[in-house]
Amino acid sequence: MTINALNAKKVLILMGSDSDYQTMKGAVDVLKEFHLQCEVRILSVHRAPEVATETASGARDAGYRVIICGAGMAAHLAGAVAANTILPVIGVPISSGALHGMDALCSTVQMPPGVPVATVAIDGARNAGVLAVQILATADDRLATQLQSFKRTLTEQVLEKDRKLQSMLG
């Protein structure tokens, strides 16, 4: 199956529950900033395992190149997706429940050999979006240029804050 360049930039964002969207919106926003397509879906590997498995195993043929998964509590969405695809999977542990995301962090980051999940900080969906862009930029000069500009902007913002602090301290 031939996938055109535009479709090859698609990122699939999965979350375990609709309550996860507020957090996962950070990844969506980053992808929009870089003019990348994404699809956002609610899939539970515990409550709809067949659909989640089919989605993960068919993601590459559907034109996706990176999958971002967000789930709270001890849900293991990212790991189950990674077990069913050869695409890079980025896990976003979401703070919820009595353990405030520590259970989600452990269930996302502790993967067996051969089934990696790149894991960002608890509620770190924005960084998941940036990491997805960085992965896609390895084969896209336009994205690489945009990332260089993005990084320069981050530097400028920090230096401006430092200038303000130094003038305050005086």
N, C-alpha and C. Protein backbone atom coordinates (compact mmCIF):
# COMPACT_ATOMS: atom_id res chain seq x y z
N MET A 1 0.85 -1.18 0.00
CA MET A 1 0.00 0.00 0.00
C MET A 1 0.88 1.24 0.00
N THR A 2 0.67 2.15 -0.92
CA THR A 2 1.43 3.38 -0.99
C THR A 2 0.71 4.45 -0.19
N ILE A 3 1.49 5.15 0.63
CA ILE A 3 0.91 6.21 1.46
C ILE A 3 1.52 7.53 1.01
N ASN A 4 0.68 8.49 0.66
CA ASN A 4 1.22 9.76 0.21
C ASN A 4 1.83 10.54 1.37
N ALA A 5 2.64 11.54 1.04
CA ALA A 5 3.40 12.27 2.06
C ALA A 5 2.50 12.93 3.11
N LEU A 6 1.37 13.47 2.69
CA LEU A 6 0.49 14.13 3.64
C LEU A 6 -0.07 13.13 4.65
N ASN A 7 -0.53 12.00 4.17
CA ASN A 7 -1.06 10.99 5.08
C ASN A 7 0.02 10.39 5.97
N ALA A 8 1.25 10.38 5.51
CA ALA A 8 2.35 9.79 6.28
C ALA A 8 2.65 10.59 7.54
N LYS A 9 2.08 11.78 7.66
CA LYS A 9 2.34 12.61 8.82
C LYS A 9 1.26 12.50 9.88
N LYS A 10 0.34 11.59 9.71
CA LYS A 10 -0.75 11.50 10.65
C LYS A 10 -0.30 10.91 11.98
N VAL A 11 -0.83 11.50 13.02
CA VAL A 11 -0.57 11.02 14.38
C VAL A 11 -1.92 10.57 14.94
N LEU A 12 -1.92 9.41 15.53
CA LEU A 12 -3.12 8.88 16.16
C LEU A 12 -3.00 9.11 17.66
N ILE A 13 -4.00 9.77 18.22
CA ILE A 13 -4.02 10.02 19.66
C ILE A 13 -5.17 9.21 20.25
N LEU A 14 -4.82 8.34 21.17
CA LEU A 14 -5.80 7.48 21.83
C LEU A 14 -5.85 7.81 23.31
N MET A 15 -7.04 7.73 23.86
CA MET A 15 -7.18 7.92 25.30
C MET A 15 -8.18 6.92 25.83
N GLY A 16 -8.04 6.58 27.09
CA GLY A 16 -8.88 5.56 27.68
C GLY A 16 -10.28 6.03 28.03
N SER A 17 -10.46 7.34 28.18
CA SER A 17 -11.75 7.86 28.62
C SER A 17 -11.92 9.29 28.12
N ASP A 18 -13.17 9.72 27.99
CA ASP A 18 -13.41 11.10 27.57
C ASP A 18 -12.88 12.11 28.59
N SER A 19 -12.76 11.70 29.85
CA SER A 19 -12.23 12.60 30.87
C SER A 19 -10.74 12.90 30.66
N ASP A 20 -10.06 12.13 29.81
CA ASP A 20 -8.64 12.33 29.54
C ASP A 20 -8.40 13.43 28.50
N TYR A 21 -9.45 13.87 27.82
CA TYR A 21 -9.24 14.82 26.72
C TYR A 21 -8.64 16.14 27.18
N GLN A 22 -9.04 16.64 28.33
CA GLN A 22 -8.49 17.93 28.79
C GLN A 22 -6.97 17.87 28.84
N THR A 23 -6.43 16.75 29.28
CA THR A 23 -4.98 16.59 29.32
C THR A 23 -4.42 16.38 27.91
N MET A 24 -5.04 15.50 27.15
CA MET A 24 -4.51 15.13 25.83
C MET A 24 -4.62 16.25 24.81
N LYS A 25 -5.43 17.25 25.09
CA LYS A 25 -5.57 18.40 24.21
C LYS A 25 -4.22 19.09 24.00
N GLY A 26 -3.33 18.98 24.98
CA GLY A 26 -1.99 19.56 24.83
C GLY A 26 -1.25 18.99 23.63
N ALA A 27 -1.37 17.70 23.40
CA ALA A 27 -0.73 17.08 22.23
C ALA A 27 -1.41 17.54 20.94
N VAL A 28 -2.73 17.61 20.96
CA VAL A 28 -3.48 18.06 19.79
C VAL A 28 -3.05 19.48 19.42
N ASP A 29 -2.93 20.34 20.42
CA ASP A 29 -2.55 21.73 20.17
C ASP A 29 -1.16 21.84 19.53
N VAL A 30 -0.21 21.06 20.02
CA VAL A 30 1.14 21.08 19.44
C VAL A 30 1.11 20.63 17.99
N LEU A 31 0.41 19.55 17.72
CA LEU A 31 0.34 19.05 16.35
C LEU A 31 -0.29 20.09 15.42
N LYS A 32 -1.29 20.80 15.90
CA LYS A 32 -1.90 21.87 15.09
C LYS A 32 -0.90 22.98 14.84
N GLU A 33 -0.10 23.32 15.86
CA GLU A 33 0.92 24.37 15.69
C GLU A 33 1.89 24.02 14.57
N PHE A 34 2.17 22.73 14.39
CA PHE A 34 3.08 22.28 13.35
C PHE A 34 2.35 21.86 12.08
N HIS A 35 1.04 22.13 12.01
CA HIS A 35 0.23 21.84 10.83
C HIS A 35 0.24 20.36 10.47
N LEU A 36 0.15 19.51 11.49
CA LEU A 36 0.12 18.07 11.29
C LEU A 36 -1.27 17.52 11.55
N GLN A 37 -1.63 16.54 10.75
CA GLN A 37 -2.92 15.88 10.92
C GLN A 37 -2.86 14.96 12.13
N CYS A 38 -3.98 14.89 12.83
CA CYS A 38 -4.09 13.87 13.87
C CYS A 38 -5.55 13.44 13.97
N GLU A 39 -5.72 12.27 14.49
CA GLU A 39 -7.05 11.77 14.80
C GLU A 39 -7.07 11.45 16.28
N VAL A 40 -8.14 11.80 16.95
CA VAL A 40 -8.26 11.58 18.39
C VAL A 40 -9.42 10.62 18.63
N ARG A 41 -9.14 9.56 19.40
CA ARG A 41 -10.16 8.54 19.66
C ARG A 41 -10.13 8.11 21.12
N ILE A 42 -11.29 7.68 21.59
CA ILE A 42 -11.40 7.06 22.91
C ILE A 42 -11.47 5.56 22.69
N LEU A 43 -10.49 4.84 23.25
CA LEU A 43 -10.46 3.39 23.15
C LEU A 43 -9.96 2.81 24.46
N SER A 44 -10.62 1.85 24.95
CA SER A 44 -10.20 1.19 26.18
C SER A 44 -9.75 -0.23 25.85
N VAL A 45 -8.52 -0.56 26.24
CA VAL A 45 -8.06 -1.93 26.00
C VAL A 45 -8.70 -2.90 26.98
N HIS A 46 -9.34 -2.37 28.02
CA HIS A 46 -10.02 -3.22 28.98
C HIS A 46 -11.49 -3.43 28.64
N ARG A 47 -12.14 -2.39 28.11
CA ARG A 47 -13.57 -2.47 27.85
C ARG A 47 -13.91 -2.71 26.38
N ALA A 48 -12.94 -2.48 25.49
CA ALA A 48 -13.14 -2.73 24.05
C ALA A 48 -11.84 -3.28 23.48
N PRO A 49 -11.37 -4.40 23.99
CA PRO A 49 -10.04 -4.90 23.59
C PRO A 49 -9.91 -5.23 22.12
N GLU A 50 -10.95 -5.75 21.50
CA GLU A 50 -10.85 -6.10 20.08
C GLU A 50 -10.68 -4.86 19.21
N VAL A 51 -11.44 -3.82 19.52
CA VAL A 51 -11.35 -2.58 18.74
C VAL A 51 -9.99 -1.94 18.94
N ALA A 52 -9.50 -1.92 20.16
CA ALA A 52 -8.19 -1.34 20.44
C ALA A 52 -7.09 -2.11 19.71
N THR A 53 -7.17 -3.42 19.72
CA THR A 53 -6.17 -4.25 19.04
C THR A 53 -6.22 -4.03 17.53
N GLU A 54 -7.41 -4.00 16.95
CA GLU A 54 -7.55 -3.75 15.51
C GLU A 54 -7.01 -2.38 15.13
N THR A 55 -7.30 -1.38 15.95
CA THR A 55 -6.83 -0.02 15.68
C THR A 55 -5.32 0.05 15.70
N ALA A 56 -4.72 -0.55 16.72
CA ALA A 56 -3.26 -0.54 16.84
C ALA A 56 -2.60 -1.31 15.71
N SER A 57 -3.10 -2.49 15.42
CA SER A 57 -2.45 -3.32 14.40
C SER A 57 -2.66 -2.76 12.99
N GLY A 58 -3.70 -1.99 12.78
CA GLY A 58 -3.96 -1.42 11.46
C GLY A 58 -3.50 0.02 11.29
N ALA A 59 -2.91 0.59 12.33
CA ALA A 59 -2.57 2.02 12.30
C ALA A 59 -1.57 2.38 11.20
N ARG A 60 -0.57 1.57 11.00
CA ARG A 60 0.44 1.89 9.98
C ARG A 60 -0.19 1.86 8.59
N ASP A 61 -0.97 0.83 8.29
CA ASP A 61 -1.62 0.75 6.98
C ASP A 61 -2.63 1.88 6.78
N ALA A 62 -3.16 2.41 7.88
CA ALA A 62 -4.10 3.52 7.79
C ALA A 62 -3.39 4.86 7.58
N GLY A 63 -2.06 4.85 7.56
CA GLY A 63 -1.31 6.07 7.28
C GLY A 63 -0.74 6.77 8.49
N TYR A 64 -0.94 6.22 9.68
CA TYR A 64 -0.37 6.84 10.88
C TYR A 64 1.11 6.52 10.96
N ARG A 65 1.86 7.41 11.60
CA ARG A 65 3.29 7.21 11.74
C ARG A 65 3.74 7.24 13.20
N VAL A 66 2.92 7.77 14.07
CA VAL A 66 3.20 7.83 15.50
C VAL A 66 1.87 7.70 16.22
N ILE A 67 1.88 7.01 17.37
CA ILE A 67 0.68 6.90 18.19
C ILE A 67 0.99 7.47 19.57
N ILE A 68 0.12 8.34 20.04
CA ILE A 68 0.22 8.88 21.39
C ILE A 68 -0.96 8.32 22.19
N CYS A 69 -0.67 7.73 23.35
CA CYS A 69 -1.71 7.13 24.19
C CYS A 69 -1.72 7.78 25.56
N GLY A 70 -2.88 8.20 26.01
CA GLY A 70 -3.01 8.76 27.35
C GLY A 70 -4.03 7.98 28.14
N ALA A 71 -3.66 7.64 29.37
CA ALA A 71 -4.59 6.92 30.25
C ALA A 71 -4.21 7.17 31.69
N GLY A 72 -5.21 7.16 32.54
CA GLY A 72 -4.99 7.35 33.97
C GLY A 72 -5.13 6.06 34.74
N MET A 73 -4.90 6.18 36.02
CA MET A 73 -4.92 5.06 36.95
C MET A 73 -3.95 3.98 36.46
N ALA A 74 -4.26 2.72 36.61
CA ALA A 74 -3.32 1.69 36.17
C ALA A 74 -3.65 1.18 34.78
N ALA A 75 -4.42 1.95 34.02
CA ALA A 75 -4.78 1.54 32.66
C ALA A 75 -3.50 1.38 31.84
N HIS A 76 -3.50 0.40 30.98
CA HIS A 76 -2.29 0.04 30.27
C HIS A 76 -2.46 0.23 28.76
N LEU A 77 -3.10 1.33 28.37
CA LEU A 77 -3.39 1.57 26.96
C LEU A 77 -2.13 1.60 26.11
N ALA A 78 -1.13 2.38 26.50
CA ALA A 78 0.07 2.53 25.68
C ALA A 78 0.78 1.19 25.49
N GLY A 79 0.89 0.41 26.53
CA GLY A 79 1.57 -0.88 26.44
C GLY A 79 0.83 -1.86 25.55
N ALA A 80 -0.48 -1.90 25.68
CA ALA A 80 -1.28 -2.80 24.84
C ALA A 80 -1.20 -2.37 23.38
N VAL A 81 -1.20 -1.08 23.13
CA VAL A 81 -1.08 -0.59 21.76
C VAL A 81 0.31 -0.93 21.21
N ALA A 82 1.34 -0.69 22.00
CA ALA A 82 2.71 -0.99 21.56
C ALA A 82 2.90 -2.47 21.24
N ALA A 83 2.18 -3.32 21.95
CA ALA A 83 2.28 -4.76 21.70
C ALA A 83 1.67 -5.16 20.37
N ASN A 84 0.86 -4.26 19.78
CA ASN A 84 0.14 -4.59 18.56
C ASN A 84 0.49 -3.72 17.36
N THR A 85 1.63 -3.02 17.43
CA THR A 85 2.04 -2.18 16.30
C THR A 85 3.55 -2.12 16.23
N ILE A 86 4.06 -1.74 15.05
CA ILE A 86 5.49 -1.48 14.93
C ILE A 86 5.77 0.02 14.95
N LEU A 87 4.73 0.83 15.06
CA LEU A 87 4.91 2.28 15.11
C LEU A 87 5.44 2.71 16.47
N PRO A 88 6.11 3.87 16.52
CA PRO A 88 6.51 4.41 17.82
C PRO A 88 5.26 4.79 18.62
N VAL A 89 5.26 4.42 19.89
CA VAL A 89 4.15 4.74 20.79
C VAL A 89 4.69 5.62 21.91
N ILE A 90 3.99 6.72 22.14
CA ILE A 90 4.34 7.65 23.21
C ILE A 90 3.23 7.58 24.25
N GLY A 91 3.59 7.30 25.49
CA GLY A 91 2.61 7.18 26.56
C GLY A 91 2.55 8.44 27.40
N VAL A 92 1.33 8.85 27.71
CA VAL A 92 1.09 9.99 28.60
C VAL A 92 0.34 9.48 29.82
N PRO A 93 1.03 9.32 30.96
CA PRO A 93 0.32 8.95 32.17
C PRO A 93 -0.52 10.14 32.64
N ILE A 94 -1.76 9.89 32.98
CA ILE A 94 -2.66 10.97 33.37
C ILE A 94 -2.95 10.89 34.86
N SER A 95 -2.84 12.03 35.52
CA SER A 95 -3.08 12.06 36.97
C SER A 95 -4.56 11.86 37.25
N SER A 96 -4.85 10.88 38.07
CA SER A 96 -6.22 10.61 38.48
C SER A 96 -6.18 9.59 39.61
N GLY A 97 -7.27 9.44 40.29
CA GLY A 97 -7.38 8.43 41.32
C GLY A 97 -6.54 8.74 42.55
N ALA A 98 -6.51 7.78 43.43
CA ALA A 98 -5.86 7.94 44.74
C ALA A 98 -4.36 8.13 44.63
N LEU A 99 -3.75 7.62 43.56
CA LEU A 99 -2.29 7.71 43.44
C LEU A 99 -1.83 8.88 42.58
N HIS A 100 -2.76 9.69 42.12
CA HIS A 100 -2.46 10.94 41.40
C HIS A 100 -1.53 10.76 40.20
N GLY A 101 -1.66 9.64 39.51
CA GLY A 101 -0.90 9.42 38.29
C GLY A 101 0.33 8.55 38.44
N MET A 102 0.74 8.25 39.66
CA MET A 102 1.92 7.40 39.84
C MET A 102 1.66 5.98 39.31
N ASP A 103 0.45 5.48 39.51
CA ASP A 103 0.11 4.16 38.97
C ASP A 103 0.12 4.18 37.45
N ALA A 104 -0.39 5.26 36.85
CA ALA A 104 -0.38 5.39 35.40
C ALA A 104 1.06 5.49 34.88
N LEU A 105 1.90 6.22 35.60
CA LEU A 105 3.29 6.34 35.20
C LEU A 105 3.97 4.97 35.21
N CYS A 106 3.80 4.24 36.28
CA CYS A 106 4.45 2.92 36.38
C CYS A 106 3.93 1.95 35.32
N SER A 107 2.62 1.95 35.07
CA SER A 107 2.08 1.01 34.09
C SER A 107 2.46 1.40 32.67
N THR A 108 2.83 2.66 32.45
CA THR A 108 3.21 3.11 31.12
C THR A 108 4.70 2.92 30.86
N VAL A 109 5.51 3.17 31.86
CA VAL A 109 6.96 3.15 31.65
C VAL A 109 7.57 1.75 31.81
N GLN A 110 6.95 0.88 32.58
CA GLN A 110 7.52 -0.45 32.84
C GLN A 110 7.08 -1.44 31.77
N MET A 111 7.84 -1.49 30.69
CA MET A 111 7.50 -2.37 29.57
C MET A 111 8.55 -3.47 29.42
N PRO A 112 8.13 -4.63 28.94
CA PRO A 112 9.09 -5.72 28.76
C PRO A 112 10.01 -5.45 27.57
N PRO A 113 11.17 -6.10 27.54
CA PRO A 113 12.09 -5.91 26.41
C PRO A 113 11.40 -6.21 25.08
N GLY A 114 11.66 -5.34 24.10
CA GLY A 114 11.11 -5.53 22.77
C GLY A 114 9.78 -4.84 22.53
N VAL A 115 9.18 -4.27 23.59
CA VAL A 115 7.89 -3.58 23.46
C VAL A 115 8.02 -2.21 24.14
N PRO A 116 8.80 -1.31 23.54
CA PRO A 116 9.03 -0.02 24.20
C PRO A 116 7.85 0.93 24.08
N VAL A 117 7.70 1.77 25.09
CA VAL A 117 6.79 2.90 25.06
C VAL A 117 7.60 4.11 25.54
N ALA A 118 7.75 5.11 24.67
CA ALA A 118 8.39 6.35 25.10
C ALA A 118 7.40 7.04 26.02
N THR A 119 7.82 7.34 27.23
CA THR A 119 6.90 7.86 28.23
C THR A 119 7.30 9.27 28.64
N VAL A 120 6.33 10.17 28.63
CA VAL A 120 6.57 11.55 29.09
C VAL A 120 6.08 11.68 30.52
N ALA A 121 6.21 12.84 31.08
CA ALA A 121 5.81 13.10 32.46
C ALA A 121 4.31 12.93 32.66
N ILE A 122 3.91 12.75 33.88
CA ILE A 122 2.49 12.72 34.22
C ILE A 122 1.85 14.00 33.69
N ASP A 123 0.77 13.86 32.94
CA ASP A 123 0.05 14.96 32.31
C ASP A 123 0.90 15.71 31.27
N GLY A 124 1.93 15.06 30.74
CA GLY A 124 2.85 15.71 29.80
C GLY A 124 2.45 15.58 28.34
N ALA A 125 1.18 15.76 28.04
CA ALA A 125 0.71 15.58 26.66
C ALA A 125 1.36 16.56 25.70
N ARG A 126 1.63 17.76 26.14
CA ARG A 126 2.28 18.73 25.24
C ARG A 126 3.64 18.20 24.79
N ASN A 127 4.41 17.66 25.72
CA ASN A 127 5.70 17.08 25.35
C ASN A 127 5.53 15.85 24.45
N ALA A 128 4.46 15.10 24.65
CA ALA A 128 4.20 13.97 23.76
C ALA A 128 3.99 14.46 22.33
N GLY A 129 3.30 15.58 22.19
CA GLY A 129 3.11 16.17 20.87
C GLY A 129 4.42 16.61 20.25
N VAL A 130 5.27 17.25 21.06
CA VAL A 130 6.58 17.69 20.56
C VAL A 130 7.41 16.48 20.16
N LEU A 131 7.40 15.42 20.97
CA LEU A 131 8.17 14.22 20.63
C LEU A 131 7.66 13.59 19.33
N ALA A 132 6.36 13.57 19.13
CA ALA A 132 5.81 13.05 17.87
C ALA A 132 6.32 13.88 16.69
N VAL A 133 6.36 15.18 16.84
CA VAL A 133 6.89 16.04 15.77
C VAL A 133 8.36 15.74 15.53
N GLN A 134 9.12 15.56 16.59
CA GLN A 134 10.55 15.25 16.44
C GLN A 134 10.75 13.93 15.70
N ILE A 135 9.93 12.94 16.01
CA ILE A 135 10.03 11.65 15.31
C ILE A 135 9.74 11.84 13.83
N LEU A 136 8.67 12.55 13.52
CA LEU A 136 8.31 12.78 12.12
C LEU A 136 9.35 13.63 11.39
N ALA A 137 10.00 14.54 12.12
CA ALA A 137 10.99 15.44 11.51
C ALA A 137 12.26 14.73 11.09
N THR A 138 12.48 13.52 11.56
CA THR A 138 13.68 12.79 11.13
C THR A 138 13.66 12.51 9.63
N ALA A 139 12.48 12.54 9.04
CA ALA A 139 12.36 12.28 7.60
C ALA A 139 11.67 13.43 6.87
N ASP A 140 11.66 14.63 7.48
CA ASP A 140 10.94 15.75 6.88
C ASP A 140 11.69 17.05 7.19
N ASP A 141 12.36 17.59 6.18
CA ASP A 141 13.16 18.80 6.38
C ASP A 141 12.32 20.00 6.78
N ARG A 142 11.10 20.09 6.25
CA ARG A 142 10.23 21.21 6.62
C ARG A 142 9.92 21.18 8.11
N LEU A 143 9.59 20.01 8.62
CA LEU A 143 9.33 19.89 10.06
C LEU A 143 10.58 20.16 10.88
N ALA A 144 11.73 19.70 10.40
CA ALA A 144 12.99 19.94 11.11
C ALA A 144 13.26 21.44 11.22
N THR A 145 13.00 22.18 10.15
CA THR A 145 13.18 23.63 10.17
C THR A 145 12.21 24.28 11.16
N GLN A 146 10.96 23.81 11.15
CA GLN A 146 9.98 24.34 12.11
C GLN A 146 10.40 24.05 13.55
N LEU A 147 10.95 22.88 13.79
CA LEU A 147 11.42 22.53 15.14
C LEU A 147 12.58 23.41 15.57
N GLN A 148 13.49 23.71 14.66
CA GLN A 148 14.60 24.60 14.99
C GLN A 148 14.07 25.98 15.40
N SER A 149 13.08 26.47 14.68
CA SER A 149 12.47 27.75 15.01
C SER A 149 11.76 27.67 16.37
N PHE A 150 11.06 26.58 16.60
CA PHE A 150 10.37 26.35 17.87
C PHE A 150 11.36 26.40 19.03
N LYS A 151 12.49 25.72 18.88
CA LYS A 151 13.51 25.69 19.94
C LYS A 151 14.10 27.08 20.16
N ARG A 152 14.33 27.83 19.07
CA ARG A 152 14.83 29.20 19.22
C ARG A 152 13.84 30.06 20.00
N THR A 153 12.57 29.87 19.72
CA THR A 153 11.54 30.63 20.45
C THR A 153 11.57 30.30 21.93
N LEU A 154 11.74 29.03 22.27
CA LEU A 154 11.86 28.64 23.69
C LEU A 154 13.04 29.35 24.34
N THR A 155 14.17 29.39 23.65
CA THR A 155 15.36 30.07 24.18
C THR A 155 15.08 31.55 24.39
N GLU A 156 14.48 32.18 23.39
CA GLU A 156 14.17 33.61 23.50
C GLU A 156 13.23 33.89 24.67
N GLN A 157 12.26 33.04 24.89
CA GLN A 157 11.33 33.23 26.00
C GLN A 157 12.04 33.16 27.34
N VAL A 158 12.94 32.19 27.49
CA VAL A 158 13.68 32.06 28.74
C VAL A 158 14.59 33.26 28.95
N LEU A 159 15.29 33.68 27.91
CA LEU A 159 16.19 34.82 28.03
C LEU A 159 15.42 36.10 28.37
N GLU A 160 14.24 36.27 27.80
CA GLU A 160 13.41 37.44 28.13
C GLU A 160 12.98 37.41 29.60
N LYS A 161 12.60 36.25 30.09
CA LYS A 161 12.24 36.14 31.51
C LYS A 161 13.44 36.44 32.40
N ASP A 162 14.62 35.99 31.97
CA ASP A 162 15.83 36.27 32.74
C ASP A 162 16.12 37.77 32.74
N ARG A 163 15.97 38.43 31.59
CA ARG A 163 16.19 39.89 31.52
C ARG A 163 15.25 40.62 32.47
N LYS A 164 13.99 40.21 32.49
CA LYS A 164 13.02 40.85 33.39
C LYS A 164 13.41 40.65 34.85
N LEU A 165 13.82 39.45 35.19
CA LEU A 165 14.24 39.16 36.56
C LEU A 165 15.46 39.98 36.93
N GLN A 166 16.44 40.05 36.01
CA GLN A 166 17.65 40.80 36.31
C GLN A 166 17.36 42.29 36.50
N SER A 167 16.45 42.83 35.71
CA SER A 167 16.11 44.25 35.85
C SER A 167 15.33 44.48 37.14
N MET A 168 14.53 43.51 37.58
CA MET A 168 13.80 43.60 38.84
C MET A 168 14.77 43.59 40.02
N LEU A 169 15.77 42.72 39.93
CA LEU A 169 16.73 42.56 41.01
C LEU A 169 17.75 43.71 41.05
N GLY A 170 17.87 44.33 39.91
CA GLY A 170 18.66 45.38 39.73
C GLY A 170 19.77 46.10 39.85
